[in-house]
Amino acid sequence: MTATEQKSRIPEIHLEQLSAEQRALIERLEAARGRVPTPFKIWIHNPAIADPLLELGARLTRGVSLSRREREIAILLMAHHWSAEYVLEIHSREASEAGLPQAVIAELRVGIIPEIGDPRERSVCAIVADFLQKTGSNDGTFDSALAALGQEGLAELLVLCGYFTSICLAMKLYRMPLPVK
């Protein structure tokens, strides 16, 4: 039986059991996103952790130099690396909505670095692939990514990968079933 076929481990918190901090966080999530995103159903058990993650997630999607397509490329590579089926499903849809071709999405889902014409997107693929190697990034890949993304973009990409590592691991640990299509 695969993890996605097993029962989810996310404990539900009933409304009457929510602390004031948890209620306030849920209200902010619903106001900002119209729902409580799945990782927050885990993180809500510790509002002191969930609250800054809410701000970080919001910051990584607005007011950053990375495009939506660039972010989705990185997320799919991270999800493949961590074998996070839930994240792969959700962000394959997001990548499609962001305009990535289905062939590129299919390759990213299985960890293949696709041929991409855009130099920034190509740099995102290369540097994230290097992040995921035990040996780290080589100088050529680092220098190319730095030239394409700048210090600001490279810093954003690094934080995005860390944030989504947490999400990928949470979805696996708590055995989130695949979302309904």
C-alpha atoms as a PDB file:
ATOM      1  CA  MET A   1       0.000   0.000   0.000  1.00  0.00           C
ATOM      2  CA  THR A   2       1.447   3.388  -0.991  1.00  0.00           C
ATOM      3  CA  ALA A   3       1.458   6.361   1.346  1.00  0.00           C
ATOM      4  CA  THR A   4      -1.271   8.024  -0.698  1.00  0.00           C
ATOM      5  CA  GLU A   5      -3.491   4.952  -0.250  1.00  0.00           C
ATOM      6  CA  GLN A   6      -3.065   5.060   3.526  1.00  0.00           C
ATOM      7  CA  LYS A   7      -5.199   7.085   5.887  1.00  0.00           C
ATOM      8  CA  SER A   8      -4.222  10.739   6.277  1.00  0.00           C
ATOM      9  CA  ARG A   9      -2.544  11.568   9.572  1.00  0.00           C
ATOM     10  CA  ILE A  10      -3.720  15.178   9.795  1.00  0.00           C
ATOM     11  CA  PRO A  11      -5.731  15.511  12.979  1.00  0.00           C
ATOM     12  CA  GLU A  12      -8.783  17.684  12.595  1.00  0.00           C
ATOM     13  CA  ILE A  13      -9.192  20.459  15.129  1.00  0.00           C
ATOM     14  CA  HIS A  14     -12.837  21.121  15.879  1.00  0.00           C
ATOM     15  CA  LEU A  15     -13.849  24.785  16.048  1.00  0.00           C
ATOM     16  CA  GLU A  16     -14.556  24.640  19.781  1.00  0.00           C
ATOM     17  CA  GLN A  17     -11.036  23.290  20.359  1.00  0.00           C
ATOM     18  CA  LEU A  18      -9.234  26.120  18.539  1.00  0.00           C
ATOM     19  CA  SER A  19      -7.176  28.523  20.582  1.00  0.00           C
ATOM     20  CA  ALA A  20      -7.556  32.250  19.978  1.00  0.00           C
ATOM     21  CA  GLU A  21      -4.266  32.208  18.018  1.00  0.00           C
ATOM     22  CA  GLN A  22      -5.475  29.327  15.842  1.00  0.00           C
ATOM     23  CA  ARG A  23      -8.806  31.063  15.157  1.00  0.00           C
ATOM     24  CA  ALA A  24      -7.045  34.288  14.190  1.00  0.00           C
ATOM     25  CA  LEU A  25      -4.701  32.418  11.861  1.00  0.00           C
ATOM     26  CA  ILE A  26      -7.574  30.573  10.192  1.00  0.00           C
ATOM     27  CA  GLU A  27      -9.396  33.867   9.685  1.00  0.00           C
ATOM     28  CA  ARG A  28      -6.297  35.399   8.046  1.00  0.00           C
ATOM     29  CA  LEU A  29      -5.850  32.339   5.823  1.00  0.00           C
ATOM     30  CA  GLU A  30      -9.482  32.371   4.720  1.00  0.00           C
ATOM     31  CA  ALA A  31      -9.361  36.122   4.082  1.00  0.00           C
ATOM     32  CA  ALA A  32      -6.144  35.855   2.073  1.00  0.00           C
ATOM     33  CA  ARG A  33      -6.728  32.577   0.253  1.00  0.00           C
ATOM     34  CA  GLY A  34     -10.427  31.824   0.610  1.00  0.00           C
ATOM     35  CA  ARG A  35      -9.598  28.550   2.386  1.00  0.00           C
ATOM     36  CA  VAL A  36      -7.093  26.906   4.704  1.00  0.00           C
ATOM     37  CA  PRO A  37      -4.362  25.474   2.432  1.00  0.00           C
ATOM     38  CA  THR A  38      -3.486  21.882   3.255  1.00  0.00           C
ATOM     39  CA  PRO A  39      -0.028  22.496   4.802  1.00  0.00           C
ATOM     40  CA  PHE A  40      -1.644  24.889   7.260  1.00  0.00           C
ATOM     41  CA  LYS A  41      -3.946  22.103   8.454  1.00  0.00           C
ATOM     42  CA  ILE A  42      -0.726  20.624   9.807  1.00  0.00           C
ATOM     43  CA  TRP A  43       1.035  23.820  10.862  1.00  0.00           C
ATOM     44  CA  ILE A  44      -2.069  25.231  12.618  1.00  0.00           C
ATOM     45  CA  HIS A  45      -1.241  22.916  15.515  1.00  0.00           C
ATOM     46  CA  ASN A  46       1.612  25.330  16.240  1.00  0.00           C
ATOM     47  CA  PRO A  47       0.434  28.868  15.411  1.00  0.00           C
ATOM     48  CA  ALA A  48       3.802  30.355  16.359  1.00  0.00           C
ATOM     49  CA  ILE A  49       5.281  28.427  13.415  1.00  0.00           C
ATOM     50  CA  ALA A  50       2.285  28.688  11.081  1.00  0.00           C
ATOM     51  CA  ASP A  51       1.975  32.463  11.336  1.00  0.00           C
ATOM     52  CA  PRO A  52       5.426  33.323   9.908  1.00  0.00           C
ATOM     53  CA  LEU A  53       5.003  30.595   7.285  1.00  0.00           C
ATOM     54  CA  LEU A  54       1.800  32.316   6.144  1.00  0.00           C
ATOM     55  CA  GLU A  55       3.717  35.562   5.659  1.00  0.00           C
ATOM     56  CA  LEU A  56       6.623  33.792   3.954  1.00  0.00           C
ATOM     57  CA  GLY A  57       4.321  31.954   1.549  1.00  0.00           C
ATOM     58  CA  ALA A  58       2.543  35.192   0.691  1.00  0.00           C
ATOM     59  CA  ARG A  59       5.859  37.002   0.206  1.00  0.00           C
ATOM     60  CA  LEU A  60       7.098  34.282  -2.152  1.00  0.00           C
ATOM     61  CA  THR A  61       4.107  34.785  -4.453  1.00  0.00           C
ATOM     62  CA  ARG A  62       3.931  38.567  -4.617  1.00  0.00           C
ATOM     63  CA  GLY A  63       6.491  41.276  -4.910  1.00  0.00           C
ATOM     64  CA  VAL A  64       9.316  38.953  -5.890  1.00  0.00           C
ATOM     65  CA  SER A  65      11.512  38.972  -8.949  1.00  0.00           C
ATOM     66  CA  LEU A  66      10.821  35.320  -9.837  1.00  0.00           C
ATOM     67  CA  SER A  67       7.976  34.814 -12.293  1.00  0.00           C
ATOM     68  CA  ARG A  68       5.148  32.396 -11.603  1.00  0.00           C
ATOM     69  CA  ARG A  69       6.566  30.047 -14.252  1.00  0.00           C
ATOM     70  CA  GLU A  70      10.005  30.163 -12.623  1.00  0.00           C
ATOM     71  CA  ARG A  71       8.517  29.410  -9.207  1.00  0.00           C
ATOM     72  CA  GLU A  72       6.500  26.478 -10.562  1.00  0.00           C
ATOM     73  CA  ILE A  73       9.568  25.005 -12.270  1.00  0.00           C
ATOM     74  CA  ALA A  74      11.420  25.034  -8.952  1.00  0.00           C
ATOM     75  CA  ILE A  75       8.458  23.628  -7.024  1.00  0.00           C
ATOM     76  CA  LEU A  76       8.020  20.715  -9.430  1.00  0.00           C
ATOM     77  CA  LEU A  77      11.705  19.846  -9.210  1.00  0.00           C
ATOM     78  CA  MET A  78      11.552  19.953  -5.414  1.00  0.00           C
ATOM     79  CA  ALA A  79       8.382  17.849  -5.341  1.00  0.00           C
ATOM     80  CA  HIS A  80       9.988  15.229  -7.578  1.00  0.00           C
ATOM     81  CA  HIS A  81      13.122  15.181  -5.427  1.00  0.00           C
ATOM     82  CA  TRP A  82      11.076  14.584  -2.263  1.00  0.00           C
ATOM     83  CA  SER A  83       8.652  12.161  -4.012  1.00  0.00           C
ATOM     84  CA  ALA A  84       5.805  14.390  -2.865  1.00  0.00           C
ATOM     85  CA  GLU A  85       2.910  13.199  -5.010  1.00  0.00           C
ATOM     86  CA  TYR A  86       0.424  15.659  -3.526  1.00  0.00           C
ATOM     87  CA  VAL A  87       2.644  18.654  -4.339  1.00  0.00           C
ATOM     88  CA  LEU A  88       3.349  17.274  -7.825  1.00  0.00           C
ATOM     89  CA  GLU A  89      -0.380  17.075  -8.542  1.00  0.00           C
ATOM     90  CA  ILE A  90      -1.265  20.527  -7.235  1.00  0.00           C
ATOM     91  CA  HIS A  91       1.698  22.289  -8.804  1.00  0.00           C
ATOM     92  CA  SER A  92       1.403  20.530 -12.152  1.00  0.00           C
ATOM     93  CA  ARG A  93      -1.942  22.288 -12.413  1.00  0.00           C
ATOM     94  CA  GLU A  94      -0.420  25.562 -11.233  1.00  0.00           C
ATOM     95  CA  ALA A  95       2.405  25.227 -13.767  1.00  0.00           C
ATOM     96  CA  SER A  96      -0.106  24.651 -16.552  1.00  0.00           C
ATOM     97  CA  GLU A  97      -2.083  27.731 -15.480  1.00  0.00           C
ATOM     98  CA  ALA A  98       1.202  29.674 -15.471  1.00  0.00           C
ATOM     99  CA  GLY A  99       1.685  28.745 -19.135  1.00  0.00           C
ATOM    100  CA  LEU A 100       4.321  26.027 -18.953  1.00  0.00           C
ATOM    101  CA  PRO A 101       3.912  23.532 -21.793  1.00  0.00           C
ATOM    102  CA  GLN A 102       2.592  20.098 -20.810  1.00  0.00           C
ATOM    103  CA  ALA A 103       5.741  18.425 -22.161  1.00  0.00           C
ATOM    104  CA  VAL A 104       7.900  20.563 -19.859  1.00  0.00           C
ATOM    105  CA  ILE A 105       5.651  19.810 -16.892  1.00  0.00           C
ATOM    106  CA  ALA A 106       5.793  16.078 -17.629  1.00  0.00           C
ATOM    107  CA  GLU A 107       9.603  16.160 -17.696  1.00  0.00           C
ATOM    108  CA  LEU A 108       9.857  18.187 -14.493  1.00  0.00           C
ATOM    109  CA  ARG A 109       7.488  15.762 -12.721  1.00  0.00           C
ATOM    110  CA  VAL A 110       9.958  12.929 -13.316  1.00  0.00           C
ATOM    111  CA  GLY A 111      13.074  14.975 -12.611  1.00  0.00           C
ATOM    112  CA  ILE A 112      14.194  15.517 -16.194  1.00  0.00           C
ATOM    113  CA  ILE A 113      15.654  18.951 -16.863  1.00  0.00           C
ATOM    114  CA  PRO A 114      13.771  20.062 -19.961  1.00  0.00           C
ATOM    115  CA  GLU A 115      15.086  22.064 -22.878  1.00  0.00           C
ATOM    116  CA  ILE A 116      13.789  25.558 -22.132  1.00  0.00           C
ATOM    117  CA  GLY A 117      14.486  28.572 -24.311  1.00  0.00           C
ATOM    118  CA  ASP A 118      14.065  31.264 -21.674  1.00  0.00           C
ATOM    119  CA  PRO A 119      17.471  31.878 -20.019  1.00  0.00           C
ATOM    120  CA  ARG A 120      16.003  32.660 -16.582  1.00  0.00           C
ATOM    121  CA  GLU A 121      13.837  29.533 -16.593  1.00  0.00           C
ATOM    122  CA  ARG A 122      16.792  27.489 -17.812  1.00  0.00           C
ATOM    123  CA  SER A 123      18.880  28.891 -14.946  1.00  0.00           C
ATOM    124  CA  VAL A 124      16.165  28.020 -12.425  1.00  0.00           C
ATOM    125  CA  CYS A 125      16.199  24.414 -13.678  1.00  0.00           C
ATOM    126  CA  ALA A 126      19.969  24.161 -13.546  1.00  0.00           C
ATOM    127  CA  ILE A 127      20.527  25.720 -10.137  1.00  0.00           C
ATOM    128  CA  VAL A 128      17.662  23.846  -8.456  1.00  0.00           C
ATOM    129  CA  ALA A 129      18.971  20.592  -9.932  1.00  0.00           C
ATOM    130  CA  ASP A 130      22.346  21.511  -8.430  1.00  0.00           C
ATOM    131  CA  PHE A 131      20.747  22.382  -5.039  1.00  0.00           C
ATOM    132  CA  LEU A 132      19.494  18.825  -4.924  1.00  0.00           C
ATOM    133  CA  GLN A 133      22.878  17.209  -5.504  1.00  0.00           C
ATOM    134  CA  LYS A 134      24.932  16.093  -2.527  1.00  0.00           C
ATOM    135  CA  THR A 135      27.968  17.830  -3.993  1.00  0.00           C
ATOM    136  CA  GLY A 136      26.273  21.232  -4.302  1.00  0.00           C
ATOM    137  CA  SER A 137      26.428  23.670  -7.165  1.00  0.00           C
ATOM    138  CA  ASN A 138      29.395  23.958  -9.485  1.00  0.00           C
ATOM    139  CA  ASP A 139      30.839  27.393 -10.229  1.00  0.00           C
ATOM    140  CA  GLY A 140      29.565  27.521 -13.807  1.00  0.00           C
ATOM    141  CA  THR A 141      25.957  26.801 -12.851  1.00  0.00           C
ATOM    142  CA  PHE A 142      26.124  29.212  -9.931  1.00  0.00           C
ATOM    143  CA  ASP A 143      27.628  31.993 -12.054  1.00  0.00           C
ATOM    144  CA  SER A 144      25.023  31.465 -14.798  1.00  0.00           C
ATOM    145  CA  ALA A 145      22.155  31.514 -12.307  1.00  0.00           C
ATOM    146  CA  LEU A 146      23.556  34.600 -10.624  1.00  0.00           C
ATOM    147  CA  ALA A 147      23.867  36.373 -13.990  1.00  0.00           C
ATOM    148  CA  ALA A 148      20.317  35.397 -15.001  1.00  0.00           C
ATOM    149  CA  LEU A 149      18.513  35.874 -11.681  1.00  0.00           C
ATOM    150  CA  GLY A 150      20.696  38.329  -9.768  1.00  0.00           C
ATOM    151  CA  GLN A 151      21.414  38.103  -6.049  1.00  0.00           C
ATOM    152  CA  GLU A 152      17.799  38.937  -5.222  1.00  0.00           C
ATOM    153  CA  GLY A 153      16.337  36.246  -7.480  1.00  0.00           C
ATOM    154  CA  LEU A 154      18.812  33.640  -6.340  1.00  0.00           C
ATOM    155  CA  ALA A 155      17.991  34.384  -2.685  1.00  0.00           C
ATOM    156  CA  GLU A 156      14.258  34.133  -3.441  1.00  0.00           C
ATOM    157  CA  LEU A 157      14.777  30.826  -5.215  1.00  0.00           C
ATOM    158  CA  LEU A 158      16.740  29.387  -2.315  1.00  0.00           C
ATOM    159  CA  VAL A 159      14.036  30.375   0.194  1.00  0.00           C
ATOM    160  CA  LEU A 160      11.284  29.067  -2.122  1.00  0.00           C
ATOM    161  CA  CYS A 161      13.048  25.699  -2.287  1.00  0.00           C
ATOM    162  CA  GLY A 162      13.365  25.575   1.493  1.00  0.00           C
ATOM    163  CA  TYR A 163       9.720  26.519   1.980  1.00  0.00           C
ATOM    164  CA  PHE A 164       8.570  23.851  -0.463  1.00  0.00           C
ATOM    165  CA  THR A 165      10.867  21.266   1.081  1.00  0.00           C
ATOM    166  CA  SER A 166       8.876  21.787   4.271  1.00  0.00           C
ATOM    167  CA  ILE A 167       5.594  21.456   2.376  1.00  0.00           C
ATOM    168  CA  CYS A 168       6.734  18.337   0.515  1.00  0.00           C
ATOM    169  CA  LEU A 169       7.909  16.646   3.696  1.00  0.00           C
ATOM    170  CA  ALA A 170       4.717  17.595   5.547  1.00  0.00           C
ATOM    171  CA  MET A 171       2.501  16.162   2.808  1.00  0.00           C
ATOM    172  CA  LYS A 172       4.454  12.899   2.897  1.00  0.00           C
ATOM    173  CA  LEU A 173       4.679  12.629   6.685  1.00  0.00           C
ATOM    174  CA  TYR A 174       0.965  13.281   7.122  1.00  0.00           C
ATOM    175  CA  ARG A 175       0.046  11.034   4.159  1.00  0.00           C
ATOM    176  CA  MET A 176      -2.054  13.554   2.314  1.00  0.00           C
ATOM    177  CA  PRO A 177      -4.227  11.794  -0.247  1.00  0.00           C
ATOM    178  CA  LEU A 178      -3.916  13.047  -3.789  1.00  0.00           C
ATOM    179  CA  PRO A 179      -6.254  15.934  -4.516  1.00  0.00           C
ATOM    180  CA  VAL A 180      -9.363  15.269  -6.543  1.00  0.00           C
ATOM    181  CA  LYS A 181      -8.886  16.360 -10.150  1.00  0.00           C
END
